[in-house]
Amino acid sequence: MNGGDGGDGVMPRIAVLVDYDGTIATADVSDEVMRRHAPLDEWAPLERAYLNGQMGSRELLRRQAALLDDSSGEIARMGRDEPHDPTFAPFAEGLRARGIPIEVVSDGFGFFVKAALADMGLPEIPVITADTTFDDGHVRIAFPNGNPDCLVCGTCKRARIFHHRAAGRHVVFVGDGYSDLYAAGHADTVFAKPELAALCDQRGWPYRTWTDFASVGAAIDADLAAGRLDGVGVPTFRCGPEVWPEGTTTPRWGDLMGPPARLRSPGSA
C-alpha cells in the first residue's frame, strides 16, 4: 500500500476495521481453541445453533468458555504460532504511515490477538474484543465491548463503525464470515471473503471480494486516488436497540437482517 496521502495533500478521512479470526489469522483461532480443547459433542451443538441464527455470539462464547479446562496452560498460550496473512503487517504499516486509523475488531475469545500483533511488530494497533481470562484452570469471559442494551454479540462491531462515522470517517471493513454480518450491514465499504460474501449476496448488500491484504491495500489506494472513499453513509440500523427490543439475546431475522444461514458444519476447517 502506498505511504502517501490521498493524492492532493489532504489526509484521507477513512478508518479501516479488520476482523481477526479467519481474516488476519488464516484460521479461526477461536474455533481452534474449541476443536483442540473441548469435546466435539458438547461444543458442536452450540456452534450449530449459532450458525443457524438461534443463538447470539455472546451466549455462544459464554457457554463455550464454560466447557474449557486450562489446567495445563495450553489454551492461554494459543494463538501466537497460528498462521497469519503475511501481507497484513505491511498493509497496516502503510495505513498508519498515512495517519489512517486501523483497528482489529474481533467477536471471538480474543485473548491471543494483541500478542499476535506484537509479534508482527504492530503492538500499537487497538484491539476491540472480549476479555478472556484464565484462573486456576478456569476460563472466564466478559464483554466490555458489547452493547449494554443489545446482548446478541459479544463484541459490537457496529459500535466501532458508528464511532468513526461520528468523526466524519468513511469506514472500510475487512472480514470473512458469519461474525462479520452486522459489521457488513453498517460499514461504508466492505471487503468480504466467500462466507461473508454469500451472506451479503443473500441480503443484496454491496461488497468487494479480496484474497489477501495486498489486494485490499491496492483497492483502497485506487479508491482514494479516484475520490471514491470521500463520503460517509447515512446510518441504517439493521440490528441493536434502535430496532430490536431492549435486552435482545437472540438475533431477530427478517426485513432488516435477512434470513439466517447455516454456512459450515461445526468442527470443520
Protein backbone atom coordinates (compact mmCIF):
# COMPACT_ATOMS: atom_id res chain seq x y z
CA MET A 1 0.00 0.00 0.00
CA ASN A 2 1.28 3.48 -0.84
CA GLY A 3 2.68 5.56 2.01
CA GLY A 4 1.37 8.88 0.68
CA ASP A 5 -1.84 10.80 1.20
CA GLY A 6 -4.98 10.68 -0.90
CA GLY A 7 -3.22 12.36 -3.83
CA ASP A 8 -3.97 16.03 -3.14
CA GLY A 9 -2.04 16.55 0.10
CA VAL A 10 -5.17 16.06 2.23
CA MET A 11 -5.16 13.25 4.79
CA PRO A 12 -7.77 10.62 3.80
CA ARG A 13 -10.86 10.72 6.03
CA ILE A 14 -11.25 6.97 6.36
CA ALA A 15 -10.89 4.33 9.03
CA VAL A 16 -10.20 0.64 8.45
CA LEU A 17 -11.68 -2.01 10.76
CA VAL A 18 -10.41 -5.56 10.38
CA ASP A 19 -11.70 -8.87 11.72
CA TYR A 20 -9.13 -11.28 13.18
CA ASP A 21 -10.28 -14.93 13.10
CA GLY A 22 -10.09 -16.16 9.50
CA THR A 23 -9.08 -12.69 8.30
CA ILE A 24 -5.72 -11.68 9.79
CA ALA A 25 -5.26 -15.21 11.13
CA THR A 26 -5.81 -17.61 8.25
CA ALA A 27 -7.72 -19.99 10.54
CA ASP A 28 -10.48 -19.22 13.03
CA VAL A 29 -8.38 -19.34 16.20
CA SER A 30 -11.44 -19.20 18.47
CA ASP A 31 -12.78 -22.30 16.73
CA GLU A 32 -9.36 -23.94 17.05
CA VAL A 33 -9.50 -23.40 20.82
CA MET A 34 -12.72 -25.40 20.97
CA ARG A 35 -11.63 -28.01 18.43
CA ARG A 36 -8.46 -28.82 20.36
CA HIS A 37 -9.64 -28.44 23.94
CA ALA A 38 -13.35 -29.33 24.20
CA PRO A 39 -15.37 -32.46 23.35
CA LEU A 40 -16.91 -32.06 19.90
CA ASP A 41 -20.26 -33.47 21.04
CA GLU A 42 -20.51 -30.71 23.66
CA TRP A 43 -19.45 -27.61 21.72
CA ALA A 44 -20.64 -28.51 18.20
CA PRO A 45 -24.36 -28.21 19.09
CA LEU A 46 -23.69 -24.71 20.44
CA GLU A 47 -21.87 -23.73 17.27
CA ARG A 48 -24.64 -25.21 15.16
CA ALA A 49 -27.27 -23.17 16.99
CA TYR A 50 -25.18 -20.04 16.42
CA LEU A 51 -24.70 -20.72 12.71
CA ASN A 52 -28.41 -21.41 12.36
CA GLY A 53 -29.17 -18.00 13.85
CA GLN A 54 -30.70 -19.44 17.03
CA MET A 55 -28.09 -18.02 19.42
CA GLY A 56 -26.00 -14.87 19.59
CA SER A 57 -22.22 -14.90 19.88
CA ARG A 58 -22.30 -13.59 23.45
CA GLU A 59 -24.23 -16.61 24.67
CA LEU A 60 -22.17 -18.91 22.45
CA LEU A 61 -18.83 -17.69 23.82
CA ARG A 62 -20.05 -17.76 27.42
CA ARG A 63 -21.21 -21.35 27.11
CA GLN A 64 -18.13 -22.43 25.16
CA ALA A 65 -15.80 -20.93 27.77
CA ALA A 66 -17.58 -22.95 30.45
CA LEU A 67 -16.59 -26.15 28.61
CA LEU A 68 -12.87 -25.38 28.71
CA ASP A 69 -10.29 -26.53 31.24
CA ASP A 70 -6.92 -24.81 31.04
CA SER A 71 -5.20 -26.53 33.95
CA SER A 72 -2.27 -27.23 31.62
CA GLY A 73 -1.98 -23.62 30.46
CA GLU A 74 -2.06 -24.73 26.82
CA ILE A 75 -5.12 -22.65 25.91
CA ALA A 76 -3.65 -19.43 27.28
CA ARG A 77 -0.57 -19.99 25.12
CA MET A 78 -2.55 -20.47 21.91
CA GLY A 79 -2.54 -18.05 19.02
CA ARG A 80 1.00 -16.85 18.56
CA ASP A 81 2.00 -19.85 16.46
CA GLU A 82 -1.10 -19.78 14.27
CA PRO A 83 -0.54 -18.78 10.60
CA HIS A 84 -1.35 -15.21 9.61
CA ASP A 85 -1.73 -13.41 6.30
CA PRO A 86 1.85 -12.25 5.63
CA THR A 87 0.59 -9.17 3.79
CA PHE A 88 -1.29 -7.81 6.82
CA ALA A 89 1.72 -6.20 8.53
CA PRO A 90 2.80 -4.11 5.51
CA PHE A 91 -0.84 -3.22 4.86
CA ALA A 92 -1.29 -1.96 8.44
CA GLU A 93 2.05 -0.13 8.40
CA GLY A 94 1.05 1.62 5.19
CA LEU A 95 -2.21 2.83 6.74
CA ARG A 96 -0.51 4.06 9.89
CA ALA A 97 2.14 5.90 7.84
CA ARG A 98 -0.70 7.87 6.25
CA GLY A 99 -2.40 8.61 9.55
CA ILE A 100 -5.35 6.35 8.71
CA PRO A 101 -6.86 4.71 11.81
CA ILE A 102 -6.86 0.92 11.79
CA GLU A 103 -8.44 -1.29 14.45
CA VAL A 104 -8.87 -5.01 14.93
CA VAL A 105 -12.44 -5.88 15.90
CA SER A 106 -12.99 -9.49 16.91
CA ASP A 107 -16.13 -11.20 18.17
CA GLY A 108 -14.23 -14.25 19.39
CA PHE A 109 -12.28 -15.17 22.52
CA GLY A 110 -9.74 -12.54 21.53
CA PHE A 111 -7.07 -13.21 24.19
CA PHE A 112 -4.50 -14.12 21.54
CA VAL A 113 -4.87 -11.05 19.29
CA LYS A 114 -2.63 -8.47 20.98
CA ALA A 115 0.25 -10.91 21.37
CA ALA A 116 -0.02 -11.92 17.71
CA LEU A 117 0.01 -8.27 16.60
CA ALA A 118 3.03 -7.58 18.82
CA ASP A 119 4.85 -10.49 17.15
CA MET A 120 4.13 -8.81 13.80
CA GLY A 121 5.64 -5.55 15.06
CA LEU A 122 2.20 -3.92 15.43
CA PRO A 123 1.65 -3.58 19.20
CA GLU A 124 0.04 -0.12 18.87
CA ILE A 125 -2.99 -1.25 16.85
CA PRO A 126 -6.13 -1.03 19.01
CA VAL A 127 -7.89 -4.34 19.61
CA ILE A 128 -11.62 -4.36 20.33
CA THR A 129 -12.69 -7.77 21.60
CA ALA A 130 -13.84 -9.82 24.59
CA ASP A 131 -11.91 -10.09 27.85
CA THR A 132 -10.94 -13.75 28.28
CA THR A 133 -9.01 -14.61 31.43
CA PHE A 134 -7.53 -17.74 32.97
CA ASP A 135 -7.74 -18.55 36.67
CA ASP A 136 -6.62 -21.87 38.16
CA GLY A 137 -7.71 -23.80 35.08
CA HIS A 138 -10.98 -21.92 34.66
CA VAL A 139 -11.61 -19.91 31.51
CA ARG A 140 -13.73 -16.83 32.10
CA ILE A 141 -15.05 -14.38 29.55
CA ALA A 142 -16.51 -10.88 29.86
CA PHE A 143 -17.75 -8.49 27.20
CA PRO A 144 -16.55 -4.93 27.85
CA ASN A 145 -17.09 -4.06 24.18
CA GLY A 146 -20.61 -5.43 23.90
CA ASN A 147 -23.68 -3.25 23.56
CA PRO A 148 -25.22 -2.87 27.04
CA ASP A 149 -28.75 -2.75 25.64
CA CYS A 150 -28.42 -5.46 22.97
CA LEU A 151 -26.99 -8.74 24.21
CA VAL A 152 -26.67 -10.60 20.91
CA CYS A 153 -22.97 -10.08 20.14
CA GLY A 154 -20.03 -10.39 22.48
CA THR A 155 -18.25 -7.52 20.77
CA CYS A 156 -20.34 -4.89 18.98
CA LYS A 157 -18.53 -4.18 15.71
CA ARG A 158 -21.35 -1.86 14.73
CA ALA A 159 -20.44 0.45 17.63
CA ARG A 160 -16.91 0.97 16.27
CA ILE A 161 -18.29 1.77 12.82
CA PHE A 162 -20.59 4.42 14.28
CA HIS A 163 -17.73 5.80 16.41
CA HIS A 164 -15.63 6.50 13.32
CA ARG A 165 -18.58 7.77 11.31
CA ALA A 166 -19.29 10.30 14.05
CA ALA A 167 -15.74 11.57 13.50
CA GLY A 168 -16.52 12.05 9.79
CA ARG A 169 -14.64 8.99 8.55
CA HIS A 170 -15.67 6.67 5.73
CA VAL A 171 -15.48 3.20 7.32
CA VAL A 172 -13.86 0.32 5.44
CA PHE A 173 -14.47 -3.12 6.93
CA VAL A 174 -12.50 -6.27 6.05
CA GLY A 175 -13.92 -9.63 7.11
CA ASP A 176 -14.51 -13.23 6.24
CA GLY A 177 -17.55 -14.81 7.84
CA TYR A 178 -20.67 -15.06 9.95
CA SER A 179 -19.42 -12.99 12.89
CA ASP A 180 -18.88 -10.09 10.47
CA LEU A 181 -22.51 -9.94 9.31
CA TYR A 182 -23.52 -6.97 11.46
CA ALA A 183 -20.41 -5.00 10.51
CA ALA A 184 -21.07 -5.68 6.83
CA GLY A 185 -24.60 -4.34 7.25
CA HIS A 186 -23.34 -0.98 8.54
CA ALA A 187 -19.89 -0.20 7.07
CA ASP A 188 -19.49 2.16 4.10
CA THR A 189 -17.19 -0.17 2.14
CA VAL A 190 -16.98 -3.93 2.77
CA PHE A 191 -14.28 -6.38 1.67
CA ALA A 192 -15.59 -9.94 2.05
CA LYS A 193 -14.21 -13.44 1.68
CA PRO A 194 -16.59 -16.13 0.31
CA GLU A 195 -18.54 -16.93 3.50
CA LEU A 196 -19.29 -13.29 4.25
CA ALA A 197 -19.86 -12.61 0.55
CA ALA A 198 -22.57 -15.31 0.49
CA LEU A 199 -24.32 -13.62 3.42
CA CYS A 200 -24.14 -10.25 1.67
CA ASP A 201 -25.46 -11.78 -1.56
CA GLN A 202 -28.46 -13.22 0.29
CA ARG A 203 -29.30 -9.73 1.51
CA GLY A 204 -28.41 -7.67 -1.55
CA TRP A 205 -25.66 -5.80 0.32
CA PRO A 206 -22.70 -4.45 -1.68
CA TYR A 207 -19.21 -5.81 -1.06
CA ARG A 208 -15.83 -6.30 -2.72
CA THR A 209 -14.02 -9.63 -2.81
CA TRP A 210 -10.46 -9.94 -1.56
CA THR A 211 -7.75 -12.59 -1.36
CA ASP A 212 -5.08 -11.02 0.85
CA PHE A 213 -4.33 -7.65 2.40
CA ALA A 214 -2.15 -6.67 -0.54
CA SER A 215 -5.28 -6.80 -2.71
CA VAL A 216 -7.24 -4.77 -0.15
CA GLY A 217 -4.46 -2.17 0.02
CA ALA A 218 -4.32 -1.85 -3.76
CA ALA A 219 -8.10 -1.39 -3.93
CA ILE A 220 -8.06 1.28 -1.20
CA ASP A 221 -5.23 3.11 -2.99
CA ALA A 222 -7.20 3.11 -6.24
CA ASP A 223 -10.38 4.27 -4.49
CA LEU A 224 -8.59 7.10 -2.68
CA ALA A 225 -6.97 8.27 -5.91
CA ALA A 226 -10.39 8.31 -7.58
CA GLY A 227 -12.12 10.01 -4.64
CA ARG A 228 -14.44 7.08 -4.06
CA LEU A 229 -13.94 6.95 -0.27
CA ASP A 230 -14.87 10.54 0.48
CA GLY A 231 -18.43 10.14 1.71
CA VAL A 232 -19.89 8.92 4.98
CA GLY A 233 -23.05 6.89 4.62
CA VAL A 234 -26.35 7.66 6.30
CA PRO A 235 -26.72 5.34 9.32
CA THR A 236 -29.05 2.43 8.69
CA PHE A 237 -29.88 0.45 11.80
CA ARG A 238 -30.14 -3.24 10.96
CA CYS A 239 -29.61 -4.55 14.49
CA GLY A 240 -29.26 -3.28 18.04
CA PRO A 241 -31.52 -1.41 20.47
CA GLU A 242 -32.77 1.02 17.82
CA VAL A 243 -34.66 -1.78 16.03
CA TRP A 244 -34.70 -4.74 18.44
CA PRO A 245 -36.36 -4.91 21.88
CA GLU A 246 -34.08 -3.94 24.76
CA GLY A 247 -32.19 -6.89 26.19
CA THR A 248 -32.43 -8.99 22.99
CA THR A 249 -30.15 -12.05 23.25
CA THR A 250 -31.07 -13.93 20.07
CA PRO A 251 -30.77 -12.45 16.56
CA ARG A 252 -34.04 -11.26 15.11
CA TRP A 253 -34.20 -12.06 11.42
CA GLY A 254 -36.42 -10.55 8.76
CA ASP A 255 -36.51 -7.43 6.61
CA LEU A 256 -33.56 -5.70 8.31
CA MET A 257 -31.07 -8.54 8.69
CA GLY A 258 -32.36 -11.03 6.15
CA PRO A 259 -32.54 -14.80 6.71
CA PRO A 260 -30.31 -16.87 8.99
CA ALA A 261 -27.95 -19.19 7.13
CA ARG A 262 -26.01 -22.25 8.14
CA LEU A 263 -22.72 -21.90 6.32
CA ARG A 264 -20.50 -24.70 7.52
CA SER A 265 -20.52 -27.70 9.81
CA PRO A 266 -19.19 -27.24 13.35
CA GLY A 267 -15.75 -28.78 13.68
CA SER A 268 -14.88 -28.26 10.01
CA ALA A 269 -11.83 -26.27 9.00
